[in-house]
């Protein structure tokens, strides 16, 4: 998981256009061990965060995503 923060940043950057189109955003918070905190805002708050989690889990299947 050494590269998890960099990979998550790349993933979030790649889906930013989709999130912005829906007037939302997601930012990476802390990454500790196999847990990553993702901060969501805008209309992403009302969403189930499924697209964000799926994008991250596709590359990092063992990471636990915590949305705030």
N, C-alpha and C. Protein backbone atom coordinates (compact mmCIF):
# COMPACT_ATOMS: atom_id res chain seq x y z
N UNK A 1 0.81 -1.20 0.00
CA UNK A 1 0.00 0.00 0.00
C UNK A 1 0.85 1.26 0.00
N UNK A 2 2.15 1.11 -0.19
CA UNK A 2 3.03 2.28 -0.19
C UNK A 2 2.62 3.32 -1.22
N UNK A 3 2.12 2.85 -2.34
CA UNK A 3 1.78 3.78 -3.42
C UNK A 3 0.30 4.15 -3.42
N UNK A 4 -0.44 3.71 -2.42
CA UNK A 4 -1.88 3.98 -2.37
C UNK A 4 -2.21 5.46 -2.44
N UNK A 5 -1.56 6.34 -1.67
CA UNK A 5 -1.92 7.77 -1.76
C UNK A 5 -1.75 8.34 -3.17
N UNK A 6 -0.67 7.97 -3.84
CA UNK A 6 -0.45 8.47 -5.19
C UNK A 6 -1.48 7.91 -6.16
N UNK A 7 -1.80 6.62 -6.00
CA UNK A 7 -2.78 5.99 -6.89
C UNK A 7 -4.17 6.59 -6.68
N UNK A 8 -4.54 6.82 -5.43
CA UNK A 8 -5.85 7.41 -5.13
C UNK A 8 -5.93 8.82 -5.70
N UNK A 9 -4.87 9.59 -5.56
CA UNK A 9 -4.84 10.94 -6.12
C UNK A 9 -5.04 10.89 -7.63
N UNK A 10 -4.35 9.98 -8.31
CA UNK A 10 -4.50 9.83 -9.76
C UNK A 10 -5.93 9.45 -10.13
N UNK A 11 -6.50 8.53 -9.38
CA UNK A 11 -7.87 8.08 -9.66
C UNK A 11 -8.85 9.23 -9.47
N UNK A 12 -8.73 9.95 -8.36
CA UNK A 12 -9.63 11.07 -8.10
C UNK A 12 -9.48 12.15 -9.17
N UNK A 13 -8.24 12.41 -9.59
CA UNK A 13 -8.02 13.39 -10.65
C UNK A 13 -8.68 12.95 -11.96
N UNK A 14 -8.65 11.66 -12.22
CA UNK A 14 -9.22 11.15 -13.48
C UNK A 14 -10.74 11.24 -13.51
N UNK A 15 -11.40 11.20 -12.34
CA UNK A 15 -12.86 11.27 -12.32
C UNK A 15 -13.39 12.66 -11.96
N UNK A 16 -12.50 13.63 -11.74
CA UNK A 16 -12.94 14.99 -11.41
C UNK A 16 -13.90 15.58 -12.44
N UNK A 17 -13.67 15.40 -13.75
CA UNK A 17 -14.63 15.96 -14.71
C UNK A 17 -16.06 15.42 -14.50
N UNK A 18 -16.18 14.14 -14.20
CA UNK A 18 -17.49 13.55 -13.93
C UNK A 18 -18.10 14.16 -12.67
N UNK A 19 -17.29 14.28 -11.63
CA UNK A 19 -17.79 14.85 -10.37
C UNK A 19 -18.20 16.31 -10.55
N UNK A 20 -17.38 17.07 -11.27
CA UNK A 20 -17.69 18.49 -11.51
C UNK A 20 -18.96 18.64 -12.33
N UNK A 21 -19.18 17.73 -13.28
CA UNK A 21 -20.39 17.78 -14.09
C UNK A 21 -21.64 17.61 -13.23
N UNK A 22 -21.48 16.93 -12.11
CA UNK A 22 -22.59 16.73 -11.17
C UNK A 22 -22.49 17.67 -9.97
N UNK A 23 -21.69 18.72 -10.13
CA UNK A 23 -21.52 19.76 -9.10
C UNK A 23 -21.05 19.18 -7.77
N UNK A 24 -20.10 18.27 -7.85
CA UNK A 24 -19.54 17.66 -6.66
C UNK A 24 -18.03 17.64 -6.72
N UNK A 25 -17.43 17.14 -5.66
CA UNK A 25 -15.98 16.98 -5.63
C UNK A 25 -15.62 15.90 -4.63
N UNK A 26 -14.43 15.37 -4.77
CA UNK A 26 -13.89 14.39 -3.83
C UNK A 26 -12.41 14.68 -3.65
N UNK A 27 -11.96 14.63 -2.41
CA UNK A 27 -10.55 14.86 -2.09
C UNK A 27 -10.08 13.76 -1.15
N UNK A 28 -8.82 13.39 -1.32
CA UNK A 28 -8.25 12.38 -0.45
C UNK A 28 -7.86 13.00 0.88
N UNK A 29 -8.19 12.29 1.94
CA UNK A 29 -7.76 12.67 3.28
C UNK A 29 -6.59 11.80 3.68
N UNK A 30 -6.68 11.23 4.86
CA UNK A 30 -5.60 10.38 5.37
C UNK A 30 -5.65 9.00 4.73
N UNK A 31 -4.48 8.42 4.54
CA UNK A 31 -4.36 7.02 4.13
C UNK A 31 -3.47 6.35 5.16
N UNK A 32 -4.04 5.39 5.88
CA UNK A 32 -3.30 4.69 6.92
C UNK A 32 -3.52 3.19 6.73
N UNK A 33 -2.44 2.47 6.52
CA UNK A 33 -2.56 1.03 6.30
C UNK A 33 -3.41 0.77 5.07
N UNK A 34 -4.49 0.01 5.25
CA UNK A 34 -5.37 -0.28 4.12
C UNK A 34 -6.66 0.55 4.17
N UNK A 35 -6.64 1.67 4.88
CA UNK A 35 -7.81 2.55 4.99
C UNK A 35 -7.51 3.91 4.39
N UNK A 36 -8.46 4.40 3.61
CA UNK A 36 -8.33 5.73 3.00
C UNK A 36 -9.58 6.54 3.29
N UNK A 37 -9.39 7.77 3.73
CA UNK A 37 -10.51 8.68 3.98
C UNK A 37 -10.66 9.57 2.75
N UNK A 38 -11.89 9.64 2.24
CA UNK A 38 -12.20 10.48 1.09
C UNK A 38 -13.26 11.49 1.54
N UNK A 39 -12.97 12.76 1.32
CA UNK A 39 -13.91 13.83 1.65
C UNK A 39 -14.69 14.18 0.39
N UNK A 40 -16.02 14.18 0.49
CA UNK A 40 -16.88 14.50 -0.64
C UNK A 40 -17.71 15.73 -0.32
N UNK A 41 -18.02 16.48 -1.37
CA UNK A 41 -18.85 17.66 -1.18
C UNK A 41 -19.71 17.93 -2.39
N UNK A 42 -20.50 18.97 -2.30
CA UNK A 42 -21.43 19.28 -3.37
C UNK A 42 -22.50 18.21 -3.44
N UNK A 43 -22.94 17.91 -4.63
CA UNK A 43 -24.00 16.91 -4.78
C UNK A 43 -23.50 15.49 -4.52
N UNK A 44 -22.19 15.31 -4.41
CA UNK A 44 -21.65 13.98 -4.07
C UNK A 44 -22.06 13.56 -2.66
N UNK A 45 -22.41 14.53 -1.83
CA UNK A 45 -22.83 14.21 -0.46
C UNK A 45 -24.11 13.38 -0.50
N UNK A 46 -25.02 13.71 -1.42
CA UNK A 46 -26.30 13.00 -1.51
C UNK A 46 -26.19 11.68 -2.26
N UNK A 47 -25.10 11.51 -2.97
CA UNK A 47 -24.87 10.29 -3.75
C UNK A 47 -24.38 9.19 -2.80
N UNK A 48 -24.43 7.96 -3.25
CA UNK A 48 -23.95 6.86 -2.43
C UNK A 48 -22.45 6.64 -2.61
N UNK A 49 -21.76 7.55 -3.29
CA UNK A 49 -20.31 7.49 -3.48
C UNK A 49 -19.87 6.25 -4.25
N UNK A 50 -20.78 5.57 -4.89
CA UNK A 50 -20.48 4.31 -5.56
C UNK A 50 -19.46 4.47 -6.68
N UNK A 51 -19.58 5.54 -7.48
CA UNK A 51 -18.64 5.70 -8.60
C UNK A 51 -17.22 5.94 -8.09
N UNK A 52 -17.09 6.65 -7.00
CA UNK A 52 -15.76 6.93 -6.43
C UNK A 52 -15.17 5.64 -5.87
N UNK A 53 -15.96 4.92 -5.10
CA UNK A 53 -15.47 3.67 -4.51
C UNK A 53 -15.11 2.65 -5.58
N UNK A 54 -15.96 2.51 -6.60
CA UNK A 54 -15.69 1.55 -7.68
C UNK A 54 -14.39 1.88 -8.40
N UNK A 55 -14.16 3.16 -8.67
CA UNK A 55 -12.94 3.57 -9.38
C UNK A 55 -11.70 3.24 -8.56
N UNK A 56 -11.76 3.46 -7.25
CA UNK A 56 -10.61 3.17 -6.39
C UNK A 56 -10.42 1.67 -6.24
N UNK A 57 -11.51 0.95 -5.99
CA UNK A 57 -11.42 -0.51 -5.77
C UNK A 57 -10.95 -1.25 -7.02
N UNK A 58 -11.19 -0.68 -8.18
CA UNK A 58 -10.72 -1.31 -9.42
C UNK A 58 -9.20 -1.43 -9.42
N UNK A 59 -8.52 -0.43 -8.90
CA UNK A 59 -7.05 -0.41 -8.87
C UNK A 59 -6.49 -0.91 -7.53
N UNK A 60 -7.24 -0.68 -6.46
CA UNK A 60 -6.78 -1.04 -5.11
C UNK A 60 -7.89 -1.84 -4.40
N UNK A 61 -8.08 -3.10 -4.79
CA UNK A 61 -9.21 -3.88 -4.26
C UNK A 61 -9.18 -4.13 -2.75
N UNK A 62 -8.02 -4.08 -2.14
CA UNK A 62 -7.91 -4.39 -0.72
C UNK A 62 -8.05 -3.18 0.20
N UNK A 63 -8.26 -2.00 -0.36
CA UNK A 63 -8.33 -0.81 0.47
C UNK A 63 -9.76 -0.58 0.96
N UNK A 64 -9.88 -0.13 2.19
CA UNK A 64 -11.18 0.22 2.76
C UNK A 64 -11.36 1.72 2.60
N UNK A 65 -12.48 2.12 2.01
CA UNK A 65 -12.76 3.53 1.76
C UNK A 65 -13.72 4.03 2.84
N UNK A 66 -13.35 5.13 3.46
CA UNK A 66 -14.20 5.77 4.47
C UNK A 66 -14.57 7.14 3.92
N UNK A 67 -15.87 7.36 3.71
CA UNK A 67 -16.33 8.63 3.16
C UNK A 67 -16.75 9.57 4.29
N UNK A 68 -16.36 10.83 4.12
CA UNK A 68 -16.75 11.86 5.10
C UNK A 68 -17.21 13.08 4.36
